[in-house]
C-alpha atoms as a PDB file:
ATOM      1  CA  MET A   1     -16.180  -7.025   7.023  1.00  0.00           C
ATOM      2  CA  THR A   2     -17.982  -8.158  10.166  1.00  0.00           C
ATOM      3  CA  GLU A   3     -20.899  -5.842   9.409  1.00  0.00           C
ATOM      4  CA  ILE A   4     -21.054  -6.927   5.761  1.00  0.00           C
ATOM      5  CA  MET A   5     -21.146 -10.608   6.724  1.00  0.00           C
ATOM      6  CA  GLU A   6     -23.803 -10.058   9.383  1.00  0.00           C
ATOM      7  CA  ASN A   7     -25.974  -8.089   6.944  1.00  0.00           C
ATOM      8  CA  ALA A   8     -25.671 -11.047   4.567  1.00  0.00           C
ATOM      9  CA  GLY A   9     -27.122 -13.320   7.270  1.00  0.00           C
ATOM     10  CA  ALA A  10     -23.923 -14.938   8.538  1.00  0.00           C
ATOM     11  CA  THR A  11     -23.119 -15.705  12.150  1.00  0.00           C
ATOM     12  CA  VAL A  12     -19.746 -14.065  12.740  1.00  0.00           C
ATOM     13  CA  LEU A  13     -16.994 -15.236  15.066  1.00  0.00           C
ATOM     14  CA  SER A  14     -14.551 -12.327  15.259  1.00  0.00           C
ATOM     15  CA  ALA A  15     -10.816 -12.709  15.869  1.00  0.00           C
ATOM     16  CA  GLY A  16      -8.438  -9.782  16.128  1.00  0.00           C
ATOM     17  CA  SER A  17      -5.347  -9.367  13.962  1.00  0.00           C
ATOM     18  CA  TYR A  18      -3.137 -10.293  16.958  1.00  0.00           C
ATOM     19  CA  MET A  19      -4.753 -13.707  17.460  1.00  0.00           C
ATOM     20  CA  PRO A  20      -2.067 -16.394  16.921  1.00  0.00           C
ATOM     21  CA  PRO A  21      -2.618 -18.625  13.862  1.00  0.00           C
ATOM     22  CA  LYS A  22      -2.783 -21.752  16.052  1.00  0.00           C
ATOM     23  CA  ASP A  23      -5.721 -20.235  17.956  1.00  0.00           C
ATOM     24  CA  VAL A  24      -7.433 -19.228  14.710  1.00  0.00           C
ATOM     25  CA  ALA A  25      -7.064 -22.755  13.318  1.00  0.00           C
ATOM     26  CA  LYS A  26      -8.317 -24.291  16.578  1.00  0.00           C
ATOM     27  CA  SER A  27     -11.376 -22.016  16.545  1.00  0.00           C
ATOM     28  CA  LEU A  28     -12.106 -22.940  12.922  1.00  0.00           C
ATOM     29  CA  ALA A  29     -12.208 -26.590  13.941  1.00  0.00           C
ATOM     30  CA  ASP A  30     -13.878 -26.298  17.366  1.00  0.00           C
ATOM     31  CA  TYR A  31     -16.712 -24.029  16.187  1.00  0.00           C
ATOM     32  CA  HIS A  32     -17.186 -25.714  12.770  1.00  0.00           C
ATOM     33  CA  VAL A  33     -16.516 -22.467  10.919  1.00  0.00           C
ATOM     34  CA  ASN A  34     -17.078 -22.838   7.159  1.00  0.00           C
ATOM     35  CA  ILE A  35     -15.862 -19.418   5.929  1.00  0.00           C
ATOM     36  CA  LEU A  36     -12.559 -17.694   6.721  1.00  0.00           C
ATOM     37  CA  ALA A  37     -12.502 -13.935   6.113  1.00  0.00           C
ATOM     38  CA  GLY A  38      -9.634 -11.505   6.549  1.00  0.00           C
ATOM     39  CA  ASP A  39      -6.830  -9.685   4.780  1.00  0.00           C
ATOM     40  CA  SER A  40      -4.701 -11.753   2.401  1.00  0.00           C
ATOM     41  CA  SER A  41      -1.617 -11.788   4.660  1.00  0.00           C
ATOM     42  CA  HIS A  42      -3.493 -13.337   7.586  1.00  0.00           C
ATOM     43  CA  VAL A  43      -5.359 -15.768   5.336  1.00  0.00           C
ATOM     44  CA  VAL A  44      -2.061 -17.089   3.959  1.00  0.00           C
ATOM     45  CA  GLN A  45      -0.559 -17.276   7.448  1.00  0.00           C
ATOM     46  CA  THR A  46      -3.556 -19.228   8.774  1.00  0.00           C
ATOM     47  CA  VAL A  47      -3.545 -21.708   5.882  1.00  0.00           C
ATOM     48  CA  TYR A  48       0.225 -22.066   6.274  1.00  0.00           C
ATOM     49  CA  HIS A  49      -0.277 -23.050   9.919  1.00  0.00           C
ATOM     50  CA  ILE A  50      -3.041 -25.506   8.955  1.00  0.00           C
ATOM     51  CA  SER A  51      -0.623 -27.155   6.521  1.00  0.00           C
ATOM     52  CA  LEU A  52       1.763 -27.865   9.416  1.00  0.00           C
ATOM     53  CA  MET A  53      -0.890 -29.474  11.624  1.00  0.00           C
ATOM     54  CA  ALA A  54      -1.212 -33.230  12.116  1.00  0.00           C
ATOM     55  CA  LYS A  55      -3.565 -34.810   9.584  1.00  0.00           C
ATOM     56  CA  GLU A  56      -6.270 -35.612  12.148  1.00  0.00           C
ATOM     57  CA  ASP A  57      -6.269 -31.970  13.299  1.00  0.00           C
ATOM     58  CA  ARG A  58      -6.110 -30.627   9.751  1.00  0.00           C
ATOM     59  CA  ASP A  59      -9.096 -32.747   8.712  1.00  0.00           C
ATOM     60  CA  ARG A  60     -11.192 -31.052  11.402  1.00  0.00           C
ATOM     61  CA  VAL A  61     -10.889 -27.736   9.533  1.00  0.00           C
ATOM     62  CA  ARG A  62     -13.537 -27.745   6.811  1.00  0.00           C
ATOM     63  CA  LEU A  63     -13.751 -24.450   4.950  1.00  0.00           C
ATOM     64  CA  ASP A  64     -16.062 -23.823   1.993  1.00  0.00           C
ATOM     65  CA  LYS A  65     -15.017 -20.248   1.237  1.00  0.00           C
ATOM     66  CA  ILE A  66     -12.181 -17.795   1.683  1.00  0.00           C
ATOM     67  CA  ILE A  67     -13.211 -14.121   1.631  1.00  0.00           C
ATOM     68  CA  TYR A  68     -10.169 -11.864   1.608  1.00  0.00           C
ATOM     69  CA  THR A  69      -9.429  -8.160   1.388  1.00  0.00           C
ATOM     70  CA  SER A  70      -6.407  -5.899   1.017  1.00  0.00           C
ATOM     71  CA  GLU A  71      -3.504  -7.077  -1.184  1.00  0.00           C
ATOM     72  CA  PRO A  72      -4.503  -9.542  -3.948  1.00  0.00           C
ATOM     73  CA  LEU A  73      -3.596 -13.188  -3.501  1.00  0.00           C
ATOM     74  CA  THR A  74      -0.872 -14.235  -5.932  1.00  0.00           C
ATOM     75  CA  GLY A  75      -1.098 -17.313  -8.142  1.00  0.00           C
ATOM     76  CA  PRO A  76       1.224 -19.379  -5.894  1.00  0.00           C
ATOM     77  CA  GLN A  77      -0.754 -18.323  -2.819  1.00  0.00           C
ATOM     78  CA  ARG A  78      -4.061 -19.371  -4.401  1.00  0.00           C
ATOM     79  CA  ALA A  79      -2.568 -22.685  -5.531  1.00  0.00           C
ATOM     80  CA  PHE A  80      -1.226 -23.328  -2.032  1.00  0.00           C
ATOM     81  CA  ILE A  81      -4.602 -22.578  -0.420  1.00  0.00           C
ATOM     82  CA  LYS A  82      -6.402 -24.999  -2.746  1.00  0.00           C
ATOM     83  CA  THR A  83      -3.757 -27.674  -2.177  1.00  0.00           C
ATOM     84  CA  ILE A  84      -4.273 -27.502   1.593  1.00  0.00           C
ATOM     85  CA  LEU A  85      -8.027 -26.825   1.766  1.00  0.00           C
ATOM     86  CA  GLY A  86      -9.243 -28.534  -1.405  1.00  0.00           C
ATOM     87  CA  GLU A  87     -11.745 -26.929  -3.762  1.00  0.00           C
ATOM     88  CA  VAL A  88     -12.465 -23.964  -1.535  1.00  0.00           C
ATOM     89  CA  LYS A  89     -14.179 -21.004  -3.202  1.00  0.00           C
ATOM     90  CA  ILE A  90     -11.992 -17.868  -3.093  1.00  0.00           C
ATOM     91  CA  ILE A  91     -13.822 -14.529  -3.029  1.00  0.00           C
ATOM     92  CA  SER A  92     -12.418 -11.025  -2.657  1.00  0.00           C
ATOM     93  CA  VAL A  93     -13.927  -7.738  -1.510  1.00  0.00           C
ATOM     94  CA  MET A  94     -12.280  -4.532  -2.692  1.00  0.00           C
ATOM     95  CA  GLY A  95     -12.371  -1.579  -0.362  1.00  0.00           C
ATOM     96  CA  SER A  96     -10.333   1.095   1.329  1.00  0.00           C
ATOM     97  CA  ALA A  97     -10.448   3.484   4.245  1.00  0.00           C
ATOM     98  CA  GLU A  98     -11.326   6.251   1.761  1.00  0.00           C
ATOM     99  CA  ALA A  99     -14.051   4.440  -0.210  1.00  0.00           C
ATOM    100  CA  GLY A 100     -15.288   1.648   2.035  1.00  0.00           C
ATOM    101  CA  PRO A 101     -16.215  -1.673   0.352  1.00  0.00           C
ATOM    102  CA  TRP A 102     -17.218  -1.114  -3.261  1.00  0.00           C
ATOM    103  CA  ALA A 103     -16.435  -4.139  -5.477  1.00  0.00           C
ATOM    104  CA  ILE A 104     -16.540  -7.927  -5.291  1.00  0.00           C
ATOM    105  CA  SER A 105     -14.723 -10.755  -7.048  1.00  0.00           C
ATOM    106  CA  SER A 106     -16.410 -14.160  -7.103  1.00  0.00           C
ATOM    107  CA  PRO A 107     -15.984 -17.180  -9.403  1.00  0.00           C
ATOM    108  CA  ASP A 108     -19.782 -17.289  -9.659  1.00  0.00           C
ATOM    109  CA  LEU A 109     -19.730 -13.852 -11.316  1.00  0.00           C
ATOM    110  CA  THR A 110     -16.468 -13.599 -13.213  1.00  0.00           C
ATOM    111  CA  GLY A 111     -15.342 -17.217 -13.563  1.00  0.00           C
ATOM    112  CA  GLU A 112     -12.511 -19.057 -11.834  1.00  0.00           C
ATOM    113  CA  GLN A 113      -9.329 -17.013 -11.774  1.00  0.00           C
ATOM    114  CA  SER A 114      -6.309 -18.583 -13.451  1.00  0.00           C
ATOM    115  CA  LEU A 115      -3.533 -19.476 -11.018  1.00  0.00           C
ATOM    116  CA  THR A 116      -1.029 -17.904 -13.431  1.00  0.00           C
ATOM    117  CA  SER A 117      -2.885 -14.599 -13.686  1.00  0.00           C
ATOM    118  CA  ASN A 118      -1.695 -11.529 -11.797  1.00  0.00           C
ATOM    119  CA  SER A 119      -4.985  -9.654 -12.295  1.00  0.00           C
ATOM    120  CA  THR A 120      -8.359 -10.020 -10.567  1.00  0.00           C
ATOM    121  CA  ASP A 121     -11.807  -9.268 -12.011  1.00  0.00           C
ATOM    122  CA  PHE A 122     -14.198  -7.334  -9.749  1.00  0.00           C
ATOM    123  CA  VAL A 123     -17.839  -6.465 -10.368  1.00  0.00           C
ATOM    124  CA  ILE A 124     -18.719  -2.833  -9.638  1.00  0.00           C
ATOM    125  CA  ASP A 125     -22.068  -1.048  -9.529  1.00  0.00           C
ATOM    126  CA  THR A 126     -21.943   2.283 -11.350  1.00  0.00           C
ATOM    127  CA  ARG A 127     -24.906   3.477  -9.281  1.00  0.00           C
ATOM    128  CA  ASN A 128     -22.620   3.486  -6.246  1.00  0.00           C
ATOM    129  CA  MET A 129     -19.232   4.303  -7.719  1.00  0.00           C
ATOM    130  CA  VAL A 130     -18.127   5.915 -10.967  1.00  0.00           C
ATOM    131  CA  VAL A 131     -14.824   4.404 -12.097  1.00  0.00           C
ATOM    132  CA  GLU A 132     -12.743   6.093 -14.772  1.00  0.00           C
ATOM    133  CA  ILE A 133      -9.535   4.770 -16.322  1.00  0.00           C
ATOM    134  CA  VAL A 134      -7.098   7.569 -17.087  1.00  0.00           C
ATOM    135  CA  SER A 135      -3.674   7.795 -18.657  1.00  0.00           C
ATOM    136  CA  PRO A 136      -0.840   7.392 -16.094  1.00  0.00           C
ATOM    137  CA  SER A 137       0.598  10.639 -17.441  1.00  0.00           C
ATOM    138  CA  VAL A 138      -2.118  12.506 -15.530  1.00  0.00           C
ATOM    139  CA  ILE A 139      -0.049  12.355 -12.316  1.00  0.00           C
ATOM    140  CA  ASP A 140       3.267  13.085 -14.030  1.00  0.00           C
ATOM    141  CA  GLY A 141       2.350  16.547 -15.213  1.00  0.00           C
ATOM    142  CA  VAL A 142       3.524  15.519 -18.690  1.00  0.00           C
ATOM    143  CA  SER A 143       1.513  16.661 -21.679  1.00  0.00           C
ATOM    144  CA  THR A 144       0.455  13.875 -24.023  1.00  0.00           C
ATOM    145  CA  PRO A 145      -1.249  13.838 -27.431  1.00  0.00           C
ATOM    146  CA  ASN A 146      -3.431  10.938 -26.270  1.00  0.00           C
ATOM    147  CA  PRO A 147      -6.728  11.462 -24.425  1.00  0.00           C
ATOM    148  CA  ILE A 148      -6.472  11.417 -20.637  1.00  0.00           C
ATOM    149  CA  LEU A 149      -9.642   9.301 -20.295  1.00  0.00           C
ATOM    150  CA  LEU A 150      -9.000   5.838 -21.743  1.00  0.00           C
ATOM    151  CA  PRO A 151     -11.628   3.712 -23.534  1.00  0.00           C
ATOM    152  CA  GLN A 152     -13.034   0.414 -22.287  1.00  0.00           C
ATOM    153  CA  GLY A 153     -10.464  -2.375 -22.236  1.00  0.00           C
ATOM    154  CA  GLU A 154      -7.337  -0.199 -21.971  1.00  0.00           C
ATOM    155  CA  GLU A 155      -5.179  -0.235 -18.841  1.00  0.00           C
ATOM    156  CA  GLY A 156      -4.578   2.922 -16.871  1.00  0.00           C
ATOM    157  CA  LEU A 157      -4.889   4.547 -13.470  1.00  0.00           C
ATOM    158  CA  ILE A 158      -8.138   3.919 -11.612  1.00  0.00           C
ATOM    159  CA  VAL A 159      -9.995   7.090 -10.628  1.00  0.00           C
ATOM    160  CA  GLN A 160     -13.139   6.788  -8.536  1.00  0.00           C
ATOM    161  CA  THR A 161     -16.035   9.057  -7.595  1.00  0.00           C
ATOM    162  CA  SER A 162     -18.490   7.925  -4.899  1.00  0.00           C
ATOM    163  CA  LEU A 163     -22.181   8.586  -5.506  1.00  0.00           C
ATOM    164  CA  GLN A 164     -23.629   7.380  -2.178  1.00  0.00           C
ATOM    165  CA  ARG A 165     -20.971   8.191   0.411  1.00  0.00           C
ATOM    166  CA  LEU A 166     -22.259  11.170   2.385  1.00  0.00           C
ATOM    167  CA  ARG A 167     -19.367  11.605   4.792  1.00  0.00           C
ATOM    168  CA  ASN A 168     -16.085  12.585   3.085  1.00  0.00           C
ATOM    169  CA  PRO A 169     -17.177  11.598  -0.441  1.00  0.00           C
ATOM    170  CA  LEU A 170     -14.559  10.900  -3.093  1.00  0.00           C
ATOM    171  CA  VAL A 171     -14.517  13.036  -6.218  1.00  0.00           C
ATOM    172  CA  ARG A 172     -12.182  11.822  -8.980  1.00  0.00           C
ATOM    173  CA  TYR A 173      -9.902  10.232  -6.413  1.00  0.00           C
ATOM    174  CA  VAL A 174      -6.712   8.804  -7.943  1.00  0.00           C
ATOM    175  CA  THR A 175      -6.306   5.429  -6.229  1.00  0.00           C
ATOM    176  CA  GLY A 176      -2.775   4.638  -7.434  1.00  0.00           C
ATOM    177  CA  ASP A 177      -4.002   1.279  -8.790  1.00  0.00           C
ATOM    178  CA  ILE A 178      -3.818   0.096 -12.387  1.00  0.00           C
ATOM    179  CA  GLY A 179      -6.869  -1.468 -14.027  1.00  0.00           C
ATOM    180  CA  SER A 180      -9.222  -1.637 -16.990  1.00  0.00           C
ATOM    181  CA  LEU A 181     -13.000  -1.671 -17.479  1.00  0.00           C
ATOM    182  CA  HIS A 182     -14.882  -4.469 -19.246  1.00  0.00           C
ATOM    183  CA  PRO A 183     -18.512  -5.446 -19.886  1.00  0.00           C
ATOM    184  CA  LEU A 184     -20.323  -7.862 -17.594  1.00  0.00           C
ATOM    185  CA  PRO A 185     -19.567 -11.482 -18.636  1.00  0.00           C
ATOM    186  CA  SER A 186     -22.287 -13.960 -19.507  1.00  0.00           C
ATOM    187  CA  ALA A 187     -21.507 -15.957 -16.343  1.00  0.00           C
ATOM    188  CA  ALA A 188     -22.569 -12.984 -14.233  1.00  0.00           C
ATOM    189  CA  CYS A 189     -25.670 -12.327 -16.306  1.00  0.00           C
ATOM    190  CA  ALA A 190     -26.857 -15.845 -15.506  1.00  0.00           C
ATOM    191  CA  VAL A 191     -27.078 -15.086 -11.760  1.00  0.00           C
ATOM    192  CA  ILE A 192     -27.816 -11.333 -11.724  1.00  0.00           C
ATOM    193  CA  PRO A 193     -31.317  -9.930 -12.468  1.00  0.00           C
ATOM    194  CA  GLU A 194     -31.560  -8.471 -15.970  1.00  0.00           C
ATOM    195  CA  ALA A 195     -32.681  -5.100 -14.580  1.00  0.00           C
ATOM    196  CA  ASP A 196     -29.213  -4.645 -13.060  1.00  0.00           C
ATOM    197  CA  TRP A 197     -27.104  -5.614 -16.084  1.00  0.00           C
ATOM    198  CA  GLY A 198     -26.843  -2.102 -17.463  1.00  0.00           C
ATOM    199  CA  HIS A 199     -25.471  -0.737 -14.174  1.00  0.00           C
ATOM    200  CA  LEU A 200     -22.727  -3.295 -13.604  1.00  0.00           C
ATOM    201  CA  ARG A 201     -19.223  -3.436 -15.059  1.00  0.00           C
ATOM    202  CA  VAL A 202     -16.116  -5.551 -14.556  1.00  0.00           C
ATOM    203  CA  LEU A 203     -13.032  -3.800 -13.231  1.00  0.00           C
ATOM    204  CA  ARG A 204      -9.895  -5.817 -13.990  1.00  0.00           C
ATOM    205  CA  MET A 205      -7.458  -4.954 -11.217  1.00  0.00           C
ATOM    206  CA  HIS A 206      -3.788  -5.289 -12.146  1.00  0.00           C
ATOM    207  CA  GLY A 207      -2.358  -4.009  -8.851  1.00  0.00           C
ATOM    208  CA  ARG A 208      -0.450  -0.921  -7.818  1.00  0.00           C
ATOM    209  CA  ASP A 209       1.104   1.456 -10.334  1.00  0.00           C
ATOM    210  CA  PRO A 210       4.196  -0.488 -11.478  1.00  0.00           C
ATOM    211  CA  ARG A 211       6.189   2.638 -12.298  1.00  0.00           C
ATOM    212  CA  PHE A 212       8.177   2.160  -9.174  1.00  0.00           C
ATOM    213  CA  SER A 213      11.770   1.201  -8.600  1.00  0.00           C
ATOM    214  CA  PHE A 214      14.511   1.534  -6.041  1.00  0.00           C
ATOM    215  CA  LYS A 215      18.264   1.822  -6.363  1.00  0.00           C
ATOM    216  CA  TRP A 216      20.772  -0.479  -4.710  1.00  0.00           C
ATOM    217  CA  PHE A 217      24.509  -0.702  -5.402  1.00  0.00           C
ATOM    218  CA  GLY A 218      24.238   1.288  -8.610  1.00  0.00           C
ATOM    219  CA  GLY A 219      21.341  -0.678 -10.096  1.00  0.00           C
ATOM    220  CA  TYR A 220      17.641   0.119 -10.432  1.00  0.00           C
ATOM    221  CA  PHE A 221      15.173  -2.658  -9.646  1.00  0.00           C
ATOM    222  CA  GLU A 222      11.584  -2.321 -10.842  1.00  0.00           C
ATOM    223  CA  PHE A 223       8.890  -3.427  -8.465  1.00  0.00           C
ATOM    224  CA  ASP A 224       6.736  -5.175 -11.089  1.00  0.00           C
ATOM    225  CA  ARG A 225       9.701  -7.272 -12.291  1.00  0.00           C
ATOM    226  CA  ILE A 226      10.555  -8.227  -8.702  1.00  0.00           C
ATOM    227  CA  SER A 227       6.942  -9.220  -8.051  1.00  0.00           C
ATOM    228  CA  ALA A 228       6.770 -11.382 -11.184  1.00  0.00           C
ATOM    229  CA  PHE A 229      10.114 -13.020 -10.347  1.00  0.00           C
ATOM    230  CA  LEU A 230       9.238 -13.908  -6.744  1.00  0.00           C
ATOM    231  CA  GLN A 231       5.806 -15.230  -7.741  1.00  0.00           C
ATOM    232  CA  GLU A 232       7.203 -17.852 -10.144  1.00  0.00           C
ATOM    233  CA  GLU A 233       5.707 -21.222  -9.273  1.00  0.00           C
ATOM    234  CA  GLU A 234       9.008 -23.047  -8.773  1.00  0.00           C
ATOM    235  CA  CYS A 235      10.029 -20.527  -6.101  1.00  0.00           C
ATOM    236  CA  GLY A 236       7.194 -21.642  -3.793  1.00  0.00           C
ATOM    237  CA  ILE A 237       7.020 -18.249  -2.075  1.00  0.00           C
ATOM    238  CA  LEU A 238       3.871 -17.455  -0.094  1.00  0.00           C
ATOM    239  CA  GLN A 239       4.907 -14.061   1.281  1.00  0.00           C
ATOM    240  CA  TRP A 240       7.870 -11.777   0.663  1.00  0.00           C
ATOM    241  CA  GLN A 241       9.291  -8.467   1.759  1.00  0.00           C
ATOM    242  CA  ILE A 242      12.211  -6.274   0.730  1.00  0.00           C
ATOM    243  CA  LEU A 243      14.047  -4.058   3.211  1.00  0.00           C
ATOM    244  CA  LEU A 244      16.396  -1.359   1.967  1.00  0.00           C
ATOM    245  CA  GLY A 245      18.572  -0.371   4.912  1.00  0.00           C
ATOM    246  CA  ARG A 246      21.821   1.300   5.818  1.00  0.00           C
ATOM    247  CA  LEU A 247      25.080  -0.257   6.946  1.00  0.00           C
ATOM    248  CA  GLU A 248      26.109   1.087  10.327  1.00  0.00           C
ATOM    249  CA  SER A 249      28.740   3.861  10.154  1.00  0.00           C
ATOM    250  CA  SER A 250      28.727   3.604   6.344  1.00  0.00           C
ATOM    251  CA  PRO A 251      26.948   5.377   3.471  1.00  0.00           C
ATOM    252  CA  GLN A 252      26.318   2.021   1.767  1.00  0.00           C
ATOM    253  CA  ALA A 253      22.790   0.621   1.448  1.00  0.00           C
ATOM    254  CA  THR A 254      21.932  -2.931   2.497  1.00  0.00           C
ATOM    255  CA  LEU A 255      19.286  -5.141   0.904  1.00  0.00           C
ATOM    256  CA  GLU A 256      17.423  -7.855   2.789  1.00  0.00           C
ATOM    257  CA  ILE A 257      14.901 -10.243   1.213  1.00  0.00           C
ATOM    258  CA  ARG A 258      12.538 -11.914   3.687  1.00  0.00           C
ATOM    259  CA  LEU A 259      10.661 -14.980   2.445  1.00  0.00           C
ATOM    260  CA  LEU A 260       7.923 -17.284   3.737  1.00  0.00           C
ATOM    261  CA  ARG A 261       7.979 -20.469   1.658  1.00  0.00           C
ATOM    262  CA  SER A 262       5.430 -23.210   1.159  1.00  0.00           C
ATOM    263  CA  PRO A 263       6.069 -26.302   3.305  1.00  0.00           C
ATOM    264  CA  LEU A 264       5.034 -28.387   0.269  1.00  0.00           C
ATOM    265  CA  ARG A 265       8.363 -28.755  -1.493  1.00  0.00           C
ATOM    266  CA  ASP A 266       7.452 -31.062  -4.408  1.00  0.00           C
ATOM    267  CA  GLY A 267       8.505 -29.440  -7.673  1.00  0.00           C
ATOM    268  CA  ILE A 268       9.942 -26.274  -6.147  1.00  0.00           C
ATOM    269  CA  LEU A 269      13.515 -25.130  -5.648  1.00  0.00           C
ATOM    270  CA  SER A 270      15.566 -25.929  -2.585  1.00  0.00           C
ATOM    271  CA  ASP A 271      16.500 -23.063  -0.267  1.00  0.00           C
ATOM    272  CA  ASP A 272      20.066 -23.006  -1.601  1.00  0.00           C
ATOM    273  CA  ALA A 273      18.923 -23.004  -5.231  1.00  0.00           C
ATOM    274  CA  LEU A 274      16.440 -20.207  -4.521  1.00  0.00           C
ATOM    275  CA  ILE A 275      19.123 -18.109  -2.806  1.00  0.00           C
ATOM    276  CA  LYS A 276      21.335 -18.435  -5.877  1.00  0.00           C
ATOM    277  CA  ARG A 277      18.470 -17.391  -8.139  1.00  0.00           C
ATOM    278  CA  VAL A 278      17.639 -14.397  -5.938  1.00  0.00           C
ATOM    279  CA  GLU A 279      21.301 -13.352  -5.819  1.00  0.00           C
ATOM    280  CA  ALA A 280      21.511 -13.559  -9.606  1.00  0.00           C
ATOM    281  CA  PHE A 281      18.380 -11.425  -9.977  1.00  0.00           C
ATOM    282  CA  PHE A 282      19.709  -8.696  -7.671  1.00  0.00           C
ATOM    283  CA  ILE A 283      23.209  -8.935  -9.215  1.00  0.00           C
ATOM    284  CA  VAL A 284      25.005  -9.926  -6.028  1.00  0.00           C
ATOM    285  CA  LEU A 285      28.767  -9.827  -6.601  1.00  0.00           C
ATOM    286  CA  PRO A 286      31.742 -10.405  -4.278  1.00  0.00           C
ATOM    287  CA  GLU A 287      32.013  -6.653  -3.698  1.00  0.00           C
ATOM    288  CA  ASN A 288      28.384  -6.219  -2.574  1.00  0.00           C
ATOM    289  CA  GLU A 289      27.745  -9.653  -1.052  1.00  0.00           C
ATOM    290  CA  PRO A 290      28.246  -8.387   2.557  1.00  0.00           C
ATOM    291  CA  LEU A 291      25.423  -5.896   1.928  1.00  0.00           C
ATOM    292  CA  PHE A 292      22.866  -8.532   0.845  1.00  0.00           C
ATOM    293  CA  ARG A 293      21.079 -11.356   2.605  1.00  0.00           C
ATOM    294  CA  VAL A 294      18.084 -13.666   2.215  1.00  0.00           C
ATOM    295  CA  VAL A 295      16.125 -14.540   5.361  1.00  0.00           C
ATOM    296  CA  PHE A 296      13.678 -17.459   5.496  1.00  0.00           C
ATOM    297  CA  LEU A 297      10.809 -17.022   7.967  1.00  0.00           C
ATOM    298  CA  ASP A 298       8.304 -19.488   9.396  1.00  0.00           C
ATOM    299  CA  GLY A 299       5.461 -17.027   9.961  1.00  0.00           C
ATOM    300  CA  LEU A 300       4.275 -13.445   9.691  1.00  0.00           C
ATOM    301  CA  GLY A 301       5.999 -12.474  12.926  1.00  0.00           C
ATOM    302  CA  GLY A 302       9.295 -11.766  11.168  1.00  0.00           C
ATOM    303  CA  PHE A 303       7.832  -9.336   8.630  1.00  0.00           C
ATOM    304  CA  GLU A 304       7.481  -5.584   9.010  1.00  0.00           C
ATOM    305  CA  ARG A 305       3.741  -4.946   9.066  1.00  0.00           C
ATOM    306  CA  SER A 306       1.437  -1.936   9.025  1.00  0.00           C
ATOM    307  CA  ALA A 307       0.420  -0.604  12.423  1.00  0.00           C
ATOM    308  CA  THR A 308      -3.281  -0.415  11.570  1.00  0.00           C
ATOM    309  CA  ALA A 309      -4.246  -3.661   9.810  1.00  0.00           C
ATOM    310  CA  GLY A 310      -1.112  -5.718  10.342  1.00  0.00           C
ATOM    311  CA  LYS A 311      -0.552  -6.130   6.583  1.00  0.00           C
ATOM    312  CA  VAL A 312       2.833  -7.232   5.303  1.00  0.00           C
ATOM    313  CA  ILE A 313       4.557  -4.214   3.730  1.00  0.00           C
ATOM    314  CA  LYS A 314       6.153  -5.368   0.468  1.00  0.00           C
ATOM    315  CA  PHE A 315       8.898  -2.725   0.414  1.00  0.00           C
ATOM    316  CA  VAL A 316      10.339  -1.129   3.551  1.00  0.00           C
ATOM    317  CA  ASN A 317      12.642   1.811   2.938  1.00  0.00           C
ATOM    318  CA  GLN A 318      14.852   2.269   5.994  1.00  0.00           C
ATOM    319  CA  TRP A 319      17.414   4.180   3.967  1.00  0.00           C
ATOM    320  CA  ASP A 320      15.555   7.499   3.723  1.00  0.00           C
END
């Protein structure tokens, strides 16, 4: 991201993933930084810290843009960012260790994203990356009467082939993400040279393959339903994590839900009301209540995070 920003003409002030949020916020103010870039977890954590600052300190932070990578920002997260920072422009760059950066989402190209939407529109250049949408059955080994390659507009697994990557190129790489292809919108055509229109497409990213669930106390819980539930606006949840563990000296599995909530509590549930709703969702009964708990955190420090980029891991399986 540093190299991309510098090639675009920006002056970059780099901060490592271990830099405390208070130091990040202070640097934003002291050096008059107007763009904050980073993975979504750290962006949310930084804005959360800014929301807790005194008004005179908070007013010193004046950001025009947020450029984030990694996990998509949820509707509640985007709403929270705009509440704290005002009408900041939110942009996303899609990339991976395998493919590098290869798609961009910007309101100037694809329009302002709805705060209730769980998908994000990215613009891709087919001269750099060939994106195919295939039936999810392709990784199940299950024969299907339907074509494996899906037409424009239909959701399926995203498969990519790099056309310019010389070192370790990708050839029909199954990303594990769900998406759909769409034509370039008129908003993008207004700012992109006509000569490039035929090479550009919109990839609507819906997130990871939702055919995922885990079992706890005899019940199966689907990841996409959990995600939708915890992202409801009245819950006011900025970051969440589920840990499936094991009770000491017992074959029983424990379930822990870790939550970082918005400090802006107007119109959202109290902690006690949210706990009751979460317990109802996970079917917490007197017989399994000792195996379940909800933990409220005040920062990213209490979450299990990846060793490389420090991203919050949504589901941590300590059982297996």
